[in-house]
Amino acid sequence: MPFDGLVAPAPLAPDPPPTARYGAFAAIAIGGLLGFGIGYGVGDLLGSSSTWAAVGAIIGAVTGSVGVGIVANLTLRAMGEWNEVKHPERSHDSQEQE
């Protein structure tokens, strides 16, 4: 068979550094807090009772943290894959010695 000696390369290990992961967590927390404040303000302005302010605060916090979380996740994946492609000799999954 002509393709017997071919071996598939190991998959990329998109592991960003821990400082980037901590920064992403902090960004998600800040996004949730800011969404909480915006939701509370909108609910307080538009609602006739404080219940609307609470509902707006919860919806704003969830929306803000989910939105920032999506962006942070995509950014961390791209950063990890970029470092892996740019410096393949640092790969954790690459073959040690052949």
N, C-alpha and C. Protein backbone atom coordinates (compact mmCIF):
# COMPACT_ATOMS: atom_id res chain seq x y z
N MET A 1 0.83 -1.17 0.00
CA MET A 1 0.00 0.00 0.00
C MET A 1 0.89 1.25 0.00
N PRO A 2 0.55 2.22 -0.78
CA PRO A 2 1.42 3.40 -0.88
C PRO A 2 1.35 4.33 0.34
N PHE A 3 0.30 4.29 1.14
CA PHE A 3 0.13 5.23 2.24
C PHE A 3 0.29 4.58 3.61
N ASP A 4 0.97 3.46 3.69
CA ASP A 4 1.10 2.76 4.97
C ASP A 4 1.93 3.54 5.98
N GLY A 5 2.94 4.26 5.56
CA GLY A 5 3.84 4.95 6.48
C GLY A 5 3.34 6.31 6.95
N LEU A 6 2.20 6.77 6.44
CA LEU A 6 1.71 8.09 6.81
C LEU A 6 1.06 8.06 8.19
N VAL A 7 1.37 9.07 8.97
CA VAL A 7 0.80 9.21 10.31
C VAL A 7 0.16 10.59 10.39
N ALA A 8 -1.05 10.63 10.91
CA ALA A 8 -1.75 11.91 11.05
C ALA A 8 -1.06 12.74 12.13
N PRO A 9 -0.94 14.04 11.91
CA PRO A 9 -0.32 14.88 12.94
C PRO A 9 -1.22 14.99 14.17
N ALA A 10 -0.58 15.23 15.28
CA ALA A 10 -1.34 15.40 16.52
C ALA A 10 -2.19 16.66 16.44
N PRO A 11 -3.38 16.65 17.04
CA PRO A 11 -4.21 17.86 17.00
C PRO A 11 -3.57 19.00 17.79
N LEU A 12 -3.93 20.21 17.40
CA LEU A 12 -3.40 21.37 18.09
C LEU A 12 -3.95 21.44 19.51
N ALA A 13 -3.11 21.88 20.42
CA ALA A 13 -3.53 22.04 21.82
C ALA A 13 -3.71 23.53 22.10
N PRO A 14 -4.94 24.04 21.95
CA PRO A 14 -5.15 25.49 22.16
C PRO A 14 -5.25 25.84 23.64
N ASP A 15 -4.13 25.79 24.33
CA ASP A 15 -4.10 26.13 25.75
C ASP A 15 -3.49 27.52 25.93
N PRO A 16 -4.31 28.52 26.19
CA PRO A 16 -3.76 29.85 26.44
C PRO A 16 -3.08 29.89 27.81
N PRO A 17 -2.21 30.85 28.01
CA PRO A 17 -1.54 30.95 29.31
C PRO A 17 -2.54 31.25 30.43
N PRO A 18 -2.19 30.88 31.67
CA PRO A 18 -3.12 31.10 32.79
C PRO A 18 -3.47 32.56 33.01
N THR A 19 -2.53 33.47 32.77
CA THR A 19 -2.85 34.89 32.97
C THR A 19 -3.94 35.35 32.01
N ALA A 20 -3.96 34.82 30.80
CA ALA A 20 -5.01 35.18 29.85
C ALA A 20 -6.36 34.62 30.30
N ARG A 21 -6.34 33.42 30.88
CA ARG A 21 -7.59 32.85 31.38
C ARG A 21 -8.12 33.63 32.58
N TYR A 22 -7.23 34.06 33.46
CA TYR A 22 -7.66 34.88 34.60
C TYR A 22 -8.20 36.22 34.12
N GLY A 23 -7.55 36.79 33.13
CA GLY A 23 -8.03 38.04 32.56
C GLY A 23 -9.40 37.89 31.92
N ALA A 24 -9.62 36.76 31.24
CA ALA A 24 -10.94 36.51 30.64
C ALA A 24 -12.00 36.36 31.72
N PHE A 25 -11.67 35.68 32.81
CA PHE A 25 -12.63 35.55 33.91
C PHE A 25 -12.98 36.91 34.50
N ALA A 26 -11.96 37.74 34.69
CA ALA A 26 -12.20 39.08 35.23
C ALA A 26 -13.06 39.90 34.27
N ALA A 27 -12.82 39.77 32.96
CA ALA A 27 -13.61 40.50 31.98
C ALA A 27 -15.07 40.04 32.00
N ILE A 28 -15.30 38.74 32.17
CA ILE A 28 -16.66 38.23 32.23
C ILE A 28 -17.37 38.77 33.48
N ALA A 29 -16.66 38.79 34.60
CA ALA A 29 -17.25 39.31 35.84
C ALA A 29 -17.57 40.80 35.71
N ILE A 30 -16.67 41.56 35.12
CA ILE A 30 -16.91 43.00 34.93
C ILE A 30 -18.07 43.22 33.95
N GLY A 31 -18.13 42.41 32.89
CA GLY A 31 -19.24 42.52 31.95
C GLY A 31 -20.58 42.24 32.61
N GLY A 32 -20.60 41.26 33.51
CA GLY A 32 -21.83 40.97 34.25
C GLY A 32 -22.22 42.10 35.18
N LEU A 33 -21.24 42.68 35.85
CA LEU A 33 -21.54 43.81 36.74
C LEU A 33 -22.04 45.03 35.96
N LEU A 34 -21.42 45.32 34.85
CA LEU A 34 -21.87 46.45 34.04
C LEU A 34 -23.26 46.20 33.45
N GLY A 35 -23.50 44.96 33.02
CA GLY A 35 -24.83 44.62 32.53
C GLY A 35 -25.87 44.73 33.63
N PHE A 36 -25.47 44.36 34.85
CA PHE A 36 -26.37 44.51 36.00
C PHE A 36 -26.75 45.97 36.20
N GLY A 37 -25.76 46.85 36.15
CA GLY A 37 -26.02 48.28 36.34
C GLY A 37 -26.89 48.86 35.24
N ILE A 38 -26.60 48.48 34.01
CA ILE A 38 -27.41 49.00 32.90
C ILE A 38 -28.84 48.46 32.97
N GLY A 39 -28.97 47.17 33.26
CA GLY A 39 -30.31 46.59 33.37
C GLY A 39 -31.11 47.19 34.51
N TYR A 40 -30.43 47.45 35.62
CA TYR A 40 -31.12 48.08 36.76
C TYR A 40 -31.58 49.48 36.39
N GLY A 41 -30.71 50.23 35.72
CA GLY A 41 -31.08 51.60 35.33
C GLY A 41 -32.24 51.63 34.36
N VAL A 42 -32.22 50.75 33.37
CA VAL A 42 -33.31 50.71 32.40
C VAL A 42 -34.61 50.27 33.07
N GLY A 43 -34.52 49.23 33.91
CA GLY A 43 -35.71 48.75 34.60
C GLY A 43 -36.28 49.78 35.56
N ASP A 44 -35.41 50.54 36.18
CA ASP A 44 -35.86 51.58 37.11
C ASP A 44 -36.54 52.73 36.37
N LEU A 45 -36.01 53.08 35.21
CA LEU A 45 -36.61 54.17 34.43
C LEU A 45 -37.94 53.78 33.80
N LEU A 46 -38.02 52.56 33.28
CA LEU A 46 -39.20 52.16 32.53
C LEU A 46 -40.29 51.53 33.38
N GLY A 47 -39.92 50.94 34.51
CA GLY A 47 -40.91 50.25 35.33
C GLY A 47 -41.55 51.16 36.35
N SER A 48 -42.75 50.77 36.78
CA SER A 48 -43.44 51.55 37.78
C SER A 48 -43.15 51.07 39.20
N SER A 49 -42.52 49.90 39.33
CA SER A 49 -42.18 49.40 40.65
C SER A 49 -40.73 48.92 40.66
N SER A 50 -40.23 48.61 41.85
CA SER A 50 -38.83 48.16 41.96
C SER A 50 -38.65 46.74 41.44
N THR A 51 -39.75 46.03 41.21
CA THR A 51 -39.65 44.68 40.65
C THR A 51 -39.06 44.74 39.25
N TRP A 52 -39.46 45.74 38.48
CA TRP A 52 -38.93 45.88 37.12
C TRP A 52 -37.43 46.17 37.15
N ALA A 53 -37.00 46.91 38.13
CA ALA A 53 -35.57 47.19 38.24
C ALA A 53 -34.80 45.91 38.54
N ALA A 54 -35.36 45.05 39.40
CA ALA A 54 -34.70 43.79 39.72
C ALA A 54 -34.67 42.86 38.52
N VAL A 55 -35.79 42.78 37.80
CA VAL A 55 -35.84 41.94 36.60
C VAL A 55 -34.86 42.46 35.55
N GLY A 56 -34.82 43.76 35.35
CA GLY A 56 -33.88 44.34 34.40
C GLY A 56 -32.44 44.10 34.81
N ALA A 57 -32.16 44.16 36.10
CA ALA A 57 -30.80 43.91 36.58
C ALA A 57 -30.37 42.48 36.33
N ILE A 58 -31.25 41.53 36.57
CA ILE A 58 -30.92 40.12 36.34
C ILE A 58 -30.72 39.84 34.85
N ILE A 59 -31.63 40.33 34.04
CA ILE A 59 -31.49 40.12 32.59
C ILE A 59 -30.23 40.80 32.06
N GLY A 60 -29.95 42.00 32.53
CA GLY A 60 -28.75 42.70 32.09
C GLY A 60 -27.48 41.99 32.51
N ALA A 61 -27.44 41.47 33.74
CA ALA A 61 -26.25 40.76 34.22
C ALA A 61 -26.00 39.49 33.42
N VAL A 62 -27.05 38.73 33.17
CA VAL A 62 -26.89 37.49 32.41
C VAL A 62 -26.48 37.80 30.97
N THR A 63 -27.13 38.77 30.36
CA THR A 63 -26.81 39.12 28.98
C THR A 63 -25.38 39.65 28.85
N GLY A 64 -24.97 40.50 29.77
CA GLY A 64 -23.62 41.05 29.72
C GLY A 64 -22.56 40.00 29.92
N SER A 65 -22.76 39.12 30.88
CA SER A 65 -21.73 38.11 31.14
C SER A 65 -21.68 37.06 30.03
N VAL A 66 -22.82 36.69 29.47
CA VAL A 66 -22.81 35.72 28.36
C VAL A 66 -22.15 36.33 27.13
N GLY A 67 -22.45 37.57 26.83
CA GLY A 67 -21.83 38.22 25.67
C GLY A 67 -20.33 38.34 25.80
N VAL A 68 -19.86 38.79 26.94
CA VAL A 68 -18.42 38.90 27.15
C VAL A 68 -17.78 37.51 27.20
N GLY A 69 -18.49 36.53 27.74
CA GLY A 69 -17.97 35.17 27.77
C GLY A 69 -17.76 34.58 26.39
N ILE A 70 -18.67 34.84 25.48
CA ILE A 70 -18.51 34.36 24.10
C ILE A 70 -17.29 34.99 23.45
N VAL A 71 -17.16 36.29 23.60
CA VAL A 71 -16.01 36.98 23.01
C VAL A 71 -14.70 36.51 23.65
N ALA A 72 -14.69 36.31 24.96
CA ALA A 72 -13.49 35.85 25.65
C ALA A 72 -13.11 34.45 25.21
N ASN A 73 -14.11 33.57 25.05
CA ASN A 73 -13.84 32.21 24.61
C ASN A 73 -13.24 32.20 23.21
N LEU A 74 -13.81 32.95 22.31
CA LEU A 74 -13.28 33.01 20.95
C LEU A 74 -11.87 33.60 20.93
N THR A 75 -11.63 34.60 21.74
CA THR A 75 -10.32 35.23 21.80
C THR A 75 -9.27 34.26 22.35
N LEU A 76 -9.60 33.53 23.42
CA LEU A 76 -8.66 32.58 23.99
C LEU A 76 -8.35 31.44 23.02
N ARG A 77 -9.36 30.97 22.30
CA ARG A 77 -9.11 29.91 21.31
C ARG A 77 -8.20 30.40 20.20
N ALA A 78 -8.48 31.60 19.70
CA ALA A 78 -7.65 32.14 18.62
C ALA A 78 -6.22 32.37 19.10
N MET A 79 -6.06 32.86 20.32
CA MET A 79 -4.72 33.10 20.84
C MET A 79 -3.96 31.79 21.02
N GLY A 80 -4.64 30.77 21.53
CA GLY A 80 -3.98 29.48 21.71
C GLY A 80 -3.58 28.84 20.39
N GLU A 81 -4.46 28.89 19.40
CA GLU A 81 -4.14 28.31 18.11
C GLU A 81 -3.06 29.12 17.40
N TRP A 82 -3.07 30.43 17.55
CA TRP A 82 -2.05 31.25 16.93
C TRP A 82 -0.68 30.92 17.51
N ASN A 83 -0.60 30.78 18.83
CA ASN A 83 0.68 30.43 19.45
C ASN A 83 1.13 29.04 19.04
N GLU A 84 0.19 28.12 18.85
CA GLU A 84 0.53 26.76 18.45
C GLU A 84 1.07 26.72 17.03
N VAL A 85 0.45 27.46 16.14
CA VAL A 85 0.89 27.48 14.75
C VAL A 85 2.19 28.26 14.62
N LYS A 86 2.31 29.34 15.38
CA LYS A 86 3.49 30.18 15.30
C LYS A 86 4.71 29.49 15.89
N HIS A 87 4.54 28.74 16.97
CA HIS A 87 5.64 28.06 17.65
C HIS A 87 5.30 26.58 17.83
N PRO A 88 5.35 25.78 16.76
CA PRO A 88 4.96 24.37 16.91
C PRO A 88 5.93 23.57 17.77
N GLU A 89 7.15 24.05 17.97
CA GLU A 89 8.10 23.31 18.79
C GLU A 89 7.73 23.33 20.26
N ARG A 90 6.83 24.23 20.68
CA ARG A 90 6.39 24.31 22.07
C ARG A 90 5.16 23.45 22.34
N SER A 91 4.73 22.67 21.37
CA SER A 91 3.50 21.91 21.48
C SER A 91 3.58 20.88 22.60
N HIS A 92 2.50 20.78 23.36
CA HIS A 92 2.43 19.78 24.42
C HIS A 92 2.12 18.40 23.85
N ASP A 93 1.42 18.38 22.70
CA ASP A 93 1.00 17.11 22.12
C ASP A 93 1.95 16.61 21.04
N SER A 94 2.97 17.37 20.70
CA SER A 94 3.87 16.94 19.63
C SER A 94 4.69 15.75 20.11
N GLN A 95 5.19 15.04 19.16
CA GLN A 95 5.97 13.84 19.50
C GLN A 95 7.28 14.28 20.13
N GLU A 96 7.62 13.68 21.25
CA GLU A 96 8.82 14.05 22.00
C GLU A 96 10.08 13.73 21.20
N GLN A 97 10.23 12.47 20.90
CA GLN A 97 11.40 12.05 20.12
C GLN A 97 10.94 10.99 19.14
N GLU A 98 11.48 11.06 17.96
CA GLU A 98 11.07 10.06 16.96
C GLU A 98 12.10 8.99 16.83
